[in-house]
Amino acid sequence: MATNQDFDFKAFQEEAIKGLYSGKPLTGENSIFAPMLKHFLEQSLQGEMEAHLLEERSLGKSNRRNGTSSKRVKSNVGEFELQTPRDRSVSFEPSIVSKRQVVLTEQLEGQIISMYSRGMSYSEIGKHLQEIYGYSLSASELTSITDKVLPMLREWQVRPLSRIYVVAWLDAMYYKVRTDGKVNTRVLYSVIGLNLRGQKEVLGIYLTESEGAKFWLSVLQDFKNRGVEDIFISCVDGLKGFPEAIENVFPKTQIQLCVVHQIRGSLRFIPEKYIKEFIVDLKSVYQAPNSIIGEENLLVLEEKWRRLSFNRVTI
């Protein structure tokens, strides 16, 4: 394989074909495409250096090349040694591959962040990279990648919101999250808002140890601090103190209890073998085209289920 500045594509093609026939991988350790990527990057870095030196000269500064430095980098086609040009004044800051960068692709970084968000440990991520790409990353290298999302998350969390939302859906879900190397159950508070343009947007996501109206109050106050002046309708579950918390911050907001939560609450009093039948009858109430038909269906439901023997019902 040619290693000089003029890349020998013919030799590369011949070696690539031989590699394919011999079972050499396209990506990962000792991959076919790694030498080509190495050449393209090194040529691009040389071009960056040339542009940097020309700019230095235009400013009247005396600067010139000072050899190269080597570092081992990882990419989605494998791992290889990359030669980065240096200058005498140490003012060259490459943008294609920065000085301390060892992972080359955003796609790979995205995969690492995705695996970490799913609760995988650094050792598990390292094993996965070894299997797929033929190399691993140290815990410190993985930390530097996962930490990149923190400033973006903080910026998103404090971004300004619209003045008015037509509807806001407020709910809490339980998830497994990794904290201090341990996986624990946490409550994720999520709020989705419908703006005046008819578009849904995620207004906020918050993590805490348990659900409570007091924490919801702090969430709503956060929305007000970020510019929200009014919410026409808030859809919530039946958490005690929740409606009062909303009225405390947005007194004109109408409270709509979540139909799904109300149905689930009703099912607690129905024996399991009757649940499907009961849901069908109950949906005729909630899915009625208007309030008159809904009330009529409710009376039918009440009459039907009132006739059932109460010893079938578990409370």
Protein backbone atom coordinates (compact mmCIF):
# COMPACT_ATOMS: atom_id res chain seq x y z
CA MET A 1 0.00 0.00 0.00
CA ALA A 2 1.35 3.44 -0.88
CA THR A 3 2.21 5.61 2.06
CA ASN A 4 3.52 8.70 0.29
CA GLN A 5 1.54 11.85 -0.39
CA ASP A 6 0.20 10.60 -3.74
CA PHE A 7 -2.24 7.84 -2.86
CA ASP A 8 -1.94 4.87 -5.20
CA PHE A 9 -5.60 4.09 -5.91
CA LYS A 10 -4.73 1.27 -8.28
CA ALA A 11 -2.66 -0.47 -5.61
CA PHE A 12 -5.44 0.17 -3.09
CA GLN A 13 -8.00 -1.39 -5.43
CA GLU A 14 -5.84 -4.46 -5.98
CA GLU A 15 -5.22 -4.94 -2.26
CA ALA A 16 -8.91 -4.32 -1.46
CA ILE A 17 -10.00 -7.03 -3.91
CA LYS A 18 -7.42 -9.43 -2.50
CA GLY A 19 -8.65 -8.58 0.98
CA LEU A 20 -12.25 -9.33 0.06
CA TYR A 21 -11.31 -12.71 -1.37
CA SER A 22 -9.27 -13.55 1.73
CA GLY A 23 -12.13 -12.58 4.07
CA LYS A 24 -10.69 -9.27 5.24
CA PRO A 25 -13.43 -7.12 6.86
CA LEU A 26 -14.71 -3.92 5.25
CA THR A 27 -14.82 -2.22 8.66
CA GLY A 28 -13.30 -2.81 12.07
CA GLU A 29 -9.80 -4.01 12.92
CA ASN A 30 -7.48 -4.27 9.87
CA SER A 31 -10.34 -3.19 7.62
CA ILE A 32 -10.07 -2.59 3.88
CA PHE A 33 -11.20 1.05 3.93
CA ALA A 34 -9.14 2.31 6.89
CA PRO A 35 -6.03 3.12 4.76
CA MET A 36 -8.11 5.22 2.36
CA LEU A 37 -9.74 7.19 5.18
CA LYS A 38 -6.31 7.70 6.76
CA HIS A 39 -4.96 9.12 3.50
CA PHE A 40 -7.93 11.46 2.94
CA LEU A 41 -7.73 12.81 6.49
CA GLU A 42 -3.98 13.35 6.41
CA GLN A 43 -4.20 15.13 3.05
CA SER A 44 -7.01 17.33 4.40
CA LEU A 45 -4.93 18.16 7.48
CA GLN A 46 -2.02 19.11 5.25
CA GLY A 47 -4.36 21.42 3.35
CA GLU A 48 -5.53 22.99 6.60
CA MET A 49 -1.92 23.57 7.64
CA GLU A 50 -1.11 25.22 4.31
CA ALA A 51 -4.07 27.58 4.66
CA HIS A 52 -3.04 28.36 8.25
CA LEU A 53 0.54 29.24 7.25
CA LEU A 54 -0.70 31.49 4.42
CA GLU A 55 -2.94 33.33 6.87
CA GLU A 56 -0.04 33.71 9.31
CA ARG A 57 2.14 35.21 6.58
CA SER A 58 -0.61 37.66 5.57
CA LEU A 59 -0.56 38.92 9.17
CA GLY A 60 3.20 39.39 9.07
CA LYS A 61 3.95 36.44 11.32
CA SER A 62 6.90 34.11 10.79
CA ASN A 63 5.75 30.52 11.05
CA ARG A 64 6.50 27.24 9.27
CA ARG A 65 5.97 23.51 9.42
CA ASN A 66 7.51 21.45 12.20
CA GLY A 67 6.98 17.82 11.25
CA THR A 68 4.00 15.76 12.38
CA SER A 69 2.56 14.20 15.53
CA SER A 70 0.95 10.78 15.63
CA LYS A 71 -2.14 9.58 17.47
CA ARG A 72 -4.32 6.50 17.24
CA VAL A 73 -7.88 7.32 16.21
CA LYS A 74 -11.10 5.32 15.96
CA SER A 75 -13.62 5.50 13.15
CA ASN A 76 -16.55 3.47 11.85
CA VAL A 77 -14.19 1.77 9.37
CA GLY A 78 -11.56 0.84 11.94
CA GLU A 79 -8.66 2.12 14.02
CA PHE A 80 -5.43 3.58 12.61
CA GLU A 81 -2.48 5.92 13.25
CA LEU A 82 -3.12 9.47 12.05
CA GLN A 83 -0.26 11.88 11.29
CA THR A 84 -1.17 15.49 12.11
CA PRO A 85 1.10 18.31 10.86
CA ARG A 86 2.65 20.68 13.41
CA ASP A 87 3.90 24.26 13.14
CA ARG A 88 6.73 26.09 14.89
CA SER A 89 4.54 28.54 16.80
CA VAL A 90 2.10 25.81 17.90
CA SER A 91 -0.80 27.97 16.71
CA PHE A 92 -2.29 25.42 14.30
CA GLU A 93 -5.72 24.21 15.45
CA PRO A 94 -7.04 21.63 12.96
CA SER A 95 -10.81 21.53 12.53
CA ILE A 96 -11.18 18.29 10.53
CA VAL A 97 -9.68 16.24 13.36
CA SER A 98 -9.07 18.38 16.44
CA LYS A 99 -6.00 17.96 18.63
CA ARG A 100 -7.54 15.79 21.32
CA GLN A 101 -10.14 14.07 19.17
CA VAL A 102 -9.81 10.28 19.03
CA VAL A 103 -13.32 9.34 17.78
CA LEU A 104 -13.88 10.58 14.25
CA THR A 105 -17.57 10.17 13.43
CA GLU A 106 -20.66 11.80 14.92
CA GLN A 107 -22.53 8.62 13.99
CA LEU A 108 -20.27 6.58 16.28
CA GLU A 109 -20.60 9.14 19.07
CA GLY A 110 -24.37 9.02 18.63
CA GLN A 111 -24.33 5.25 18.98
CA ILE A 112 -22.26 5.50 22.18
CA ILE A 113 -24.63 8.10 23.68
CA SER A 114 -27.63 5.97 22.67
CA MET A 115 -26.16 2.87 24.34
CA TYR A 116 -25.34 4.85 27.48
CA SER A 117 -28.87 6.31 27.65
CA ARG A 118 -30.27 2.76 27.58
CA GLY A 119 -28.40 1.91 30.77
CA MET A 120 -25.37 0.12 29.32
CA SER A 121 -22.20 0.43 31.39
CA TYR A 122 -18.94 1.71 29.93
CA SER A 123 -17.52 -1.82 29.97
CA GLU A 124 -20.57 -3.12 28.06
CA ILE A 125 -20.24 -0.32 25.51
CA GLY A 126 -16.54 -1.11 25.12
CA LYS A 127 -17.30 -4.77 24.43
CA HIS A 128 -19.93 -3.79 21.87
CA LEU A 129 -17.47 -1.52 20.04
CA GLN A 130 -14.88 -4.29 20.07
CA GLU A 131 -17.33 -6.71 18.46
CA ILE A 132 -18.57 -4.28 15.79
CA TYR A 133 -15.54 -2.10 14.98
CA GLY A 134 -12.61 -4.15 16.24
CA TYR A 135 -11.53 -1.66 18.93
CA SER A 136 -12.69 -0.41 22.29
CA LEU A 137 -12.60 2.90 24.17
CA SER A 138 -11.47 3.55 27.72
CA ALA A 139 -13.90 4.75 30.40
CA SER A 140 -12.37 8.25 30.27
CA GLU A 141 -12.77 8.40 26.46
CA LEU A 142 -16.39 7.27 26.72
CA THR A 143 -17.05 9.81 29.48
CA SER A 144 -15.71 12.62 27.28
CA ILE A 145 -18.25 11.61 24.62
CA THR A 146 -21.29 11.19 26.88
CA ASP A 147 -20.47 14.47 28.65
CA LYS A 148 -20.78 16.32 25.34
CA VAL A 149 -24.57 16.13 25.51
CA LEU A 150 -24.77 17.81 28.95
CA PRO A 151 -24.39 21.44 27.73
CA MET A 152 -26.97 20.79 24.98
CA LEU A 153 -29.38 19.29 27.52
CA ARG A 154 -28.98 22.24 29.88
CA GLU A 155 -29.55 24.69 27.04
CA TRP A 156 -32.71 22.80 26.02
CA GLN A 157 -33.99 22.67 29.60
CA VAL A 158 -33.90 26.47 30.05
CA ARG A 159 -34.96 27.52 26.54
CA PRO A 160 -37.78 30.11 26.32
CA LEU A 161 -41.30 28.78 25.72
CA SER A 162 -44.33 30.25 23.96
CA ARG A 163 -46.63 32.61 25.85
CA ILE A 164 -49.75 30.46 25.39
CA TYR A 165 -50.45 26.76 24.97
CA VAL A 166 -53.88 25.45 24.01
CA VAL A 167 -53.42 22.09 25.74
CA ALA A 168 -50.72 20.68 28.00
CA TRP A 169 -50.45 16.99 28.83
CA LEU A 170 -48.69 16.41 32.15
CA ASP A 171 -47.74 12.89 33.14
CA ALA A 172 -45.17 10.94 35.12
CA MET A 173 -43.58 7.63 34.08
CA TYR A 174 -41.24 5.29 35.90
CA TYR A 175 -37.90 4.39 34.31
CA LYS A 176 -34.67 2.63 35.14
CA VAL A 177 -31.79 5.13 35.09
CA ARG A 178 -28.07 4.88 35.79
CA THR A 179 -26.77 7.07 38.61
CA ASP A 180 -23.30 6.74 40.13
CA GLY A 181 -22.83 3.42 38.37
CA LYS A 182 -26.06 1.93 39.75
CA VAL A 183 -29.42 1.38 38.05
CA ASN A 184 -32.33 2.77 40.08
CA THR A 185 -36.01 3.50 39.50
CA ARG A 186 -36.75 7.18 38.93
CA VAL A 187 -39.85 9.16 38.03
CA LEU A 188 -39.71 11.00 34.73
CA TYR A 189 -42.02 14.02 34.59
CA SER A 190 -42.89 14.88 31.00
CA VAL A 191 -44.98 17.73 29.65
CA ILE A 192 -46.19 17.99 26.04
CA GLY A 193 -47.80 21.21 24.88
CA LEU A 194 -50.02 22.05 21.91
CA ASN A 195 -49.15 25.55 20.70
CA LEU A 196 -51.31 28.05 18.82
CA ARG A 197 -49.97 26.74 15.49
CA GLY A 198 -51.42 23.32 16.24
CA GLN A 199 -48.00 21.76 16.80
CA LYS A 200 -47.05 19.52 19.70
CA GLU A 201 -43.75 20.16 21.45
CA VAL A 202 -42.01 18.69 24.47
CA LEU A 203 -41.96 21.49 27.03
CA GLY A 204 -39.89 19.76 29.65
CA ILE A 205 -38.54 16.52 31.07
CA TYR A 206 -37.58 16.17 34.73
CA LEU A 207 -36.23 13.31 36.84
CA THR A 208 -36.91 12.75 40.52
CA GLU A 209 -37.29 9.87 42.96
CA SER A 210 -41.09 9.93 43.40
CA GLU A 211 -44.20 11.57 42.00
CA GLY A 212 -45.94 14.29 43.99
CA ALA A 213 -47.99 17.46 43.56
CA LYS A 214 -45.24 19.49 45.24
CA PHE A 215 -42.76 18.64 42.50
CA TRP A 216 -45.35 19.32 39.81
CA LEU A 217 -45.74 22.78 41.34
CA SER A 218 -42.03 23.44 40.78
CA VAL A 219 -42.35 22.21 37.17
CA LEU A 220 -45.23 24.59 36.48
CA GLN A 221 -43.35 27.46 38.09
CA ASP A 222 -40.42 26.66 35.81
CA PHE A 223 -42.71 27.03 32.78
CA LYS A 224 -43.87 30.41 34.02
CA ASN A 225 -40.28 31.54 34.50
CA ARG A 226 -39.55 30.50 30.91
CA GLY A 227 -42.30 32.70 29.49
CA VAL A 228 -45.56 30.72 29.65
CA GLU A 229 -48.43 33.05 30.59
CA ASP A 230 -51.45 30.78 30.14
CA ILE A 231 -52.47 27.18 29.42
CA PHE A 232 -56.07 26.79 28.28
CA ILE A 233 -56.51 23.10 29.20
CA SER A 234 -54.30 20.84 31.29
CA CYS A 235 -54.77 17.08 30.97
CA VAL A 236 -53.62 15.30 34.12
CA ASP A 237 -54.12 12.10 36.10
CA GLY A 238 -55.93 11.89 39.42
CA LEU A 239 -52.90 12.61 41.61
CA LYS A 240 -54.00 14.24 44.86
CA GLY A 241 -53.23 17.96 44.92
CA PHE A 242 -52.36 18.11 41.22
CA PRO A 243 -55.28 20.36 40.13
CA GLU A 244 -54.57 22.71 43.03
CA ALA A 245 -50.91 22.95 42.00
CA ILE A 246 -51.94 23.96 38.47
CA GLU A 247 -54.46 26.52 39.71
CA ASN A 248 -51.80 28.01 41.95
CA VAL A 249 -49.59 28.91 38.97
CA PHE A 250 -52.14 29.19 36.14
CA PRO A 251 -55.48 30.07 37.82
CA LYS A 252 -57.47 30.33 34.56
CA THR A 253 -56.49 26.87 33.29
CA GLN A 254 -59.26 24.30 32.93
CA ILE A 255 -58.42 20.86 34.33
CA GLN A 256 -59.26 17.78 32.26
CA LEU A 257 -58.69 14.47 34.03
CA CYS A 258 -57.07 11.95 31.71
CA VAL A 259 -59.63 9.50 30.34
CA VAL A 260 -57.09 6.66 30.24
CA HIS A 261 -56.27 7.13 33.92
CA GLN A 262 -59.97 7.24 34.82
CA ILE A 263 -60.64 4.02 32.90
CA ARG A 264 -57.70 2.32 34.60
CA GLY A 265 -59.03 3.51 37.93
CA SER A 266 -62.44 2.01 37.17
CA LEU A 267 -60.91 -1.36 36.30
CA ARG A 268 -59.57 -1.77 39.82
CA PHE A 269 -63.12 -2.66 40.91
CA ILE A 270 -63.86 -5.16 38.12
CA PRO A 271 -62.94 -8.87 38.23
CA GLU A 272 -60.38 -9.75 35.56
CA LYS A 273 -62.71 -11.99 33.53
CA TYR A 274 -65.19 -9.10 33.05
CA ILE A 275 -62.63 -6.40 32.17
CA LYS A 276 -62.84 -6.68 28.35
CA GLU A 277 -66.64 -6.52 28.38
CA PHE A 278 -66.62 -3.59 30.79
CA ILE A 279 -64.12 -1.63 28.67
CA VAL A 280 -66.36 -1.99 25.59
CA ASP A 281 -69.32 -0.57 27.53
CA LEU A 282 -67.21 2.18 29.06
CA LYS A 283 -65.81 3.29 25.70
CA SER A 284 -69.34 3.86 24.46
CA VAL A 285 -69.52 6.61 27.08
CA TYR A 286 -66.14 8.27 26.47
CA GLN A 287 -66.29 7.95 22.68
CA ALA A 288 -69.86 9.19 22.28
CA PRO A 289 -70.26 11.86 19.55
CA ASN A 290 -71.92 14.31 21.98
CA SER A 291 -72.75 14.73 25.67
CA ILE A 292 -76.41 13.67 25.29
CA ILE A 293 -75.53 10.28 23.79
CA GLY A 294 -72.70 9.93 26.29
CA GLU A 295 -75.08 10.41 29.22
CA GLU A 296 -77.55 7.92 27.72
CA ASN A 297 -74.79 5.31 27.31
CA LEU A 298 -73.68 5.96 30.89
CA LEU A 299 -77.19 5.18 32.16
CA VAL A 300 -77.23 1.95 30.12
CA LEU A 301 -73.82 0.98 31.55
CA GLU A 302 -74.93 1.77 35.08
CA GLU A 303 -78.12 -0.27 34.74
CA LYS A 304 -76.32 -3.28 33.24
CA TRP A 305 -73.50 -3.47 35.77
CA ARG A 306 -75.73 -2.65 38.73
CA ARG A 307 -77.65 -5.89 38.06
CA LEU A 308 -74.48 -7.98 38.43
CA SER A 309 -74.00 -9.76 41.73
CA PHE A 310 -71.68 -7.70 43.94
CA ASN A 311 -69.84 -10.80 45.09
CA ARG A 312 -68.14 -10.78 41.69
CA VAL A 313 -66.66 -7.37 42.31
CA THR A 314 -63.37 -7.01 44.16
CA ILE A 315 -62.52 -3.66 45.69
